[in-house]
Amino acid sequence: MLTKRNSWLRAGALTVLGLGLAYGAQSFTEKEEVKVERKADFVEWKYEGTSNNLSQALDADNYSPAGSTSCGGTPQTICRISAPEDLSNPGHPDMSAAVGSSTVGADIQNSVSNPTPTINNTVKSLRSF
């Protein structure tokens, strides 16, 4: 009787040990997929539109990299904005990019909609015509 109990105990212990080794070996072979989220780099853009017209202000083609553009005068329109580059339209800002709880386009619209344009999270400086 003692021999039967010992053989069941050994078999059970070997089974548990085998399952543990199999599980441990499997954990070394499975690799988790690494997801890399790339945050968009915000860069300065200068507005080259000729008026305070909302459709011009929201047209990404009216913006180019700011460089050392100076702004000044009576705040009548946008001078510089901060936005990520549009990957589908290189060399221009992404108007649908998120800025806090808003978007670049919505911030521009909020700025230009006032009788006198204002600065905000996207619109960084103003200029005269």
C-alpha atoms as a PDB file:
ATOM      1  CA  MET A   1       0.000   0.000   0.000  1.00  0.00           C
ATOM      2  CA  LEU A   2       2.833   2.347   0.864  1.00  0.00           C
ATOM      3  CA  THR A   3       4.423   1.728  -2.537  1.00  0.00           C
ATOM      4  CA  LYS A   4       1.217   2.608  -4.419  1.00  0.00           C
ATOM      5  CA  ARG A   5       0.843   5.851  -2.496  1.00  0.00           C
ATOM      6  CA  ASN A   6       4.473   6.812  -3.148  1.00  0.00           C
ATOM      7  CA  SER A   7       4.186   6.070  -6.856  1.00  0.00           C
ATOM      8  CA  TRP A   8       1.018   8.247  -7.133  1.00  0.00           C
ATOM      9  CA  LEU A   9       2.742  10.983  -5.189  1.00  0.00           C
ATOM     10  CA  ARG A  10       5.811  10.801  -7.449  1.00  0.00           C
ATOM     11  CA  ALA A  11       3.651  10.775 -10.580  1.00  0.00           C
ATOM     12  CA  GLY A  12       1.662  13.776  -9.348  1.00  0.00           C
ATOM     13  CA  ALA A  13       4.800  15.696  -8.412  1.00  0.00           C
ATOM     14  CA  LEU A  14       6.404  14.932 -11.776  1.00  0.00           C
ATOM     15  CA  THR A  15       3.241  16.031 -13.595  1.00  0.00           C
ATOM     16  CA  VAL A  16       3.121  19.337 -11.731  1.00  0.00           C
ATOM     17  CA  LEU A  17       6.838  19.843 -12.337  1.00  0.00           C
ATOM     18  CA  GLY A  18       6.446  19.046 -16.048  1.00  0.00           C
ATOM     19  CA  LEU A  19       3.528  21.449 -16.422  1.00  0.00           C
ATOM     20  CA  GLY A  20       5.486  24.174 -14.623  1.00  0.00           C
ATOM     21  CA  LEU A  21       8.496  23.673 -16.901  1.00  0.00           C
ATOM     22  CA  ALA A  22       6.301  23.719 -20.011  1.00  0.00           C
ATOM     23  CA  TYR A  23       4.563  26.928 -18.898  1.00  0.00           C
ATOM     24  CA  GLY A  24       7.887  28.538 -18.015  1.00  0.00           C
ATOM     25  CA  ALA A  25       9.424  27.621 -21.365  1.00  0.00           C
ATOM     26  CA  GLN A  26       6.392  28.991 -23.192  1.00  0.00           C
ATOM     27  CA  SER A  27       6.666  32.339 -21.427  1.00  0.00           C
ATOM     28  CA  PHE A  28      10.185  32.734 -22.828  1.00  0.00           C
ATOM     29  CA  THR A  29       9.067  32.069 -26.396  1.00  0.00           C
ATOM     30  CA  GLU A  30       6.020  34.356 -26.524  1.00  0.00           C
ATOM     31  CA  LYS A  31       6.861  37.941 -27.294  1.00  0.00           C
ATOM     32  CA  GLU A  32       4.543  40.817 -26.642  1.00  0.00           C
ATOM     33  CA  GLU A  33       3.984  43.137 -29.539  1.00  0.00           C
ATOM     34  CA  VAL A  34       5.569  46.468 -28.796  1.00  0.00           C
ATOM     35  CA  LYS A  35       3.418  49.389 -29.852  1.00  0.00           C
ATOM     36  CA  VAL A  36       5.160  52.688 -30.337  1.00  0.00           C
ATOM     37  CA  GLU A  37       3.016  55.769 -30.442  1.00  0.00           C
ATOM     38  CA  ARG A  38       4.776  58.647 -32.062  1.00  0.00           C
ATOM     39  CA  LYS A  39       3.697  62.014 -30.826  1.00  0.00           C
ATOM     40  CA  ALA A  40       3.543  64.604 -33.506  1.00  0.00           C
ATOM     41  CA  ASP A  41       6.230  67.260 -33.310  1.00  0.00           C
ATOM     42  CA  PHE A  42       4.723  70.723 -33.181  1.00  0.00           C
ATOM     43  CA  VAL A  43       6.528  73.273 -35.327  1.00  0.00           C
ATOM     44  CA  GLU A  44       5.970  76.965 -36.024  1.00  0.00           C
ATOM     45  CA  TRP A  45       4.218  77.965 -39.262  1.00  0.00           C
ATOM     46  CA  LYS A  46       3.781  81.446 -40.725  1.00  0.00           C
ATOM     47  CA  TYR A  47       0.489  82.490 -42.233  1.00  0.00           C
ATOM     48  CA  GLU A  48       0.892  83.876 -45.743  1.00  0.00           C
ATOM     49  CA  GLY A  49      -2.770  84.680 -46.378  1.00  0.00           C
ATOM     50  CA  THR A  50      -3.685  88.195 -47.405  1.00  0.00           C
ATOM     51  CA  SER A  51      -6.831  88.622 -45.311  1.00  0.00           C
ATOM     52  CA  ASN A  52      -8.541  87.570 -42.124  1.00  0.00           C
ATOM     53  CA  ASN A  53     -10.967  85.443 -44.157  1.00  0.00           C
ATOM     54  CA  LEU A  54     -11.728  82.185 -42.316  1.00  0.00           C
ATOM     55  CA  SER A  55     -11.423  80.005 -45.430  1.00  0.00           C
ATOM     56  CA  GLN A  56      -7.941  81.430 -46.096  1.00  0.00           C
ATOM     57  CA  ALA A  57      -6.913  81.002 -42.465  1.00  0.00           C
ATOM     58  CA  LEU A  58      -8.018  77.340 -42.474  1.00  0.00           C
ATOM     59  CA  ASP A  59      -6.277  76.531 -45.778  1.00  0.00           C
ATOM     60  CA  ALA A  60      -3.061  74.665 -44.914  1.00  0.00           C
ATOM     61  CA  ASP A  61      -1.536  75.770 -48.230  1.00  0.00           C
ATOM     62  CA  ASN A  62      -1.459  79.351 -46.868  1.00  0.00           C
ATOM     63  CA  TYR A  63       1.151  78.312 -44.282  1.00  0.00           C
ATOM     64  CA  SER A  64       4.851  77.592 -44.601  1.00  0.00           C
ATOM     65  CA  PRO A  65       7.622  76.873 -42.078  1.00  0.00           C
ATOM     66  CA  ALA A  66       8.080  80.018 -39.974  1.00  0.00           C
ATOM     67  CA  GLY A  67      11.844  80.310 -39.880  1.00  0.00           C
ATOM     68  CA  SER A  68      12.717  83.715 -38.445  1.00  0.00           C
ATOM     69  CA  THR A  69       9.527  85.528 -39.475  1.00  0.00           C
ATOM     70  CA  SER A  70       8.858  88.587 -37.365  1.00  0.00           C
ATOM     71  CA  CYS A  71       5.351  89.570 -36.378  1.00  0.00           C
ATOM     72  CA  GLY A  72       4.082  92.931 -35.272  1.00  0.00           C
ATOM     73  CA  GLY A  73       1.806  95.841 -35.820  1.00  0.00           C
ATOM     74  CA  THR A  74      -1.894  95.997 -35.124  1.00  0.00           C
ATOM     75  CA  PRO A  75      -3.220  92.477 -34.397  1.00  0.00           C
ATOM     76  CA  GLN A  76      -5.439  92.084 -37.465  1.00  0.00           C
ATOM     77  CA  THR A  77      -4.712  88.533 -38.556  1.00  0.00           C
ATOM     78  CA  ILE A  78      -2.709  85.431 -37.733  1.00  0.00           C
ATOM     79  CA  CYS A  79       1.059  85.594 -38.000  1.00  0.00           C
ATOM     80  CA  ARG A  80       2.349  82.305 -36.552  1.00  0.00           C
ATOM     81  CA  ILE A  81       0.770  79.057 -35.453  1.00  0.00           C
ATOM     82  CA  SER A  82       2.121  75.931 -33.799  1.00  0.00           C
ATOM     83  CA  ALA A  83       1.004  72.641 -35.343  1.00  0.00           C
ATOM     84  CA  PRO A  84       2.418  69.277 -36.471  1.00  0.00           C
ATOM     85  CA  GLU A  85       3.264  68.751 -40.127  1.00  0.00           C
ATOM     86  CA  ASP A  86       0.578  67.084 -42.229  1.00  0.00           C
ATOM     87  CA  LEU A  87       2.084  63.791 -43.420  1.00  0.00           C
ATOM     88  CA  SER A  88      -0.284  63.705 -46.400  1.00  0.00           C
ATOM     89  CA  ASN A  89       0.601  67.310 -47.351  1.00  0.00           C
ATOM     90  CA  PRO A  90       4.279  67.765 -46.398  1.00  0.00           C
ATOM     91  CA  GLY A  91       5.457  71.312 -45.778  1.00  0.00           C
ATOM     92  CA  HIS A  92       2.105  72.386 -44.354  1.00  0.00           C
ATOM     93  CA  PRO A  93       0.371  72.147 -40.964  1.00  0.00           C
ATOM     94  CA  ASP A  94      -2.125  69.413 -40.092  1.00  0.00           C
ATOM     95  CA  MET A  95      -5.363  71.308 -39.463  1.00  0.00           C
ATOM     96  CA  SER A  96      -7.075  68.270 -37.911  1.00  0.00           C
ATOM     97  CA  ALA A  97      -4.321  67.555 -35.351  1.00  0.00           C
ATOM     98  CA  ALA A  98      -5.408  67.498 -31.718  1.00  0.00           C
ATOM     99  CA  VAL A  99      -4.381  70.385 -29.483  1.00  0.00           C
ATOM    100  CA  GLY A 100      -5.586  69.669 -25.976  1.00  0.00           C
ATOM    101  CA  SER A 101      -9.341  69.163 -26.226  1.00  0.00           C
ATOM    102  CA  SER A 102      -9.523  71.035 -29.547  1.00  0.00           C
ATOM    103  CA  THR A 103      -7.915  70.858 -32.995  1.00  0.00           C
ATOM    104  CA  VAL A 104      -5.580  73.171 -34.891  1.00  0.00           C
ATOM    105  CA  GLY A 105      -8.406  74.194 -37.225  1.00  0.00           C
ATOM    106  CA  ALA A 106     -10.853  74.877 -34.378  1.00  0.00           C
ATOM    107  CA  ASP A 107      -8.278  77.031 -32.565  1.00  0.00           C
ATOM    108  CA  ILE A 108      -7.655  79.035 -35.743  1.00  0.00           C
ATOM    109  CA  GLN A 109     -11.404  79.451 -36.247  1.00  0.00           C
ATOM    110  CA  ASN A 110     -11.833  80.636 -32.633  1.00  0.00           C
ATOM    111  CA  SER A 111      -9.028  83.144 -33.072  1.00  0.00           C
ATOM    112  CA  VAL A 112     -10.224  84.592 -36.390  1.00  0.00           C
ATOM    113  CA  SER A 113     -13.919  84.638 -35.410  1.00  0.00           C
ATOM    114  CA  ASN A 114     -13.334  87.424 -32.877  1.00  0.00           C
ATOM    115  CA  PRO A 115     -13.579  91.039 -34.089  1.00  0.00           C
ATOM    116  CA  THR A 116      -9.919  91.328 -33.119  1.00  0.00           C
ATOM    117  CA  PRO A 117      -8.043  88.020 -33.503  1.00  0.00           C
ATOM    118  CA  THR A 118      -6.701  86.481 -30.312  1.00  0.00           C
ATOM    119  CA  ILE A 119      -3.881  84.093 -29.478  1.00  0.00           C
ATOM    120  CA  ASN A 120      -4.573  80.619 -28.072  1.00  0.00           C
ATOM    121  CA  ASN A 121      -2.986  77.140 -27.916  1.00  0.00           C
ATOM    122  CA  THR A 122      -2.394  77.117 -31.692  1.00  0.00           C
ATOM    123  CA  VAL A 123      -2.266  80.769 -32.743  1.00  0.00           C
ATOM    124  CA  LYS A 124       0.965  82.022 -31.196  1.00  0.00           C
ATOM    125  CA  SER A 125       1.235  85.556 -32.603  1.00  0.00           C
ATOM    126  CA  LEU A 126      -0.674  88.108 -34.639  1.00  0.00           C
ATOM    127  CA  ARG A 127       0.263  90.730 -37.251  1.00  0.00           C
ATOM    128  CA  SER A 128      -1.187  93.554 -39.278  1.00  0.00           C
ATOM    129  CA  PHE A 129      -2.122  93.146 -42.950  1.00  0.00           C
END
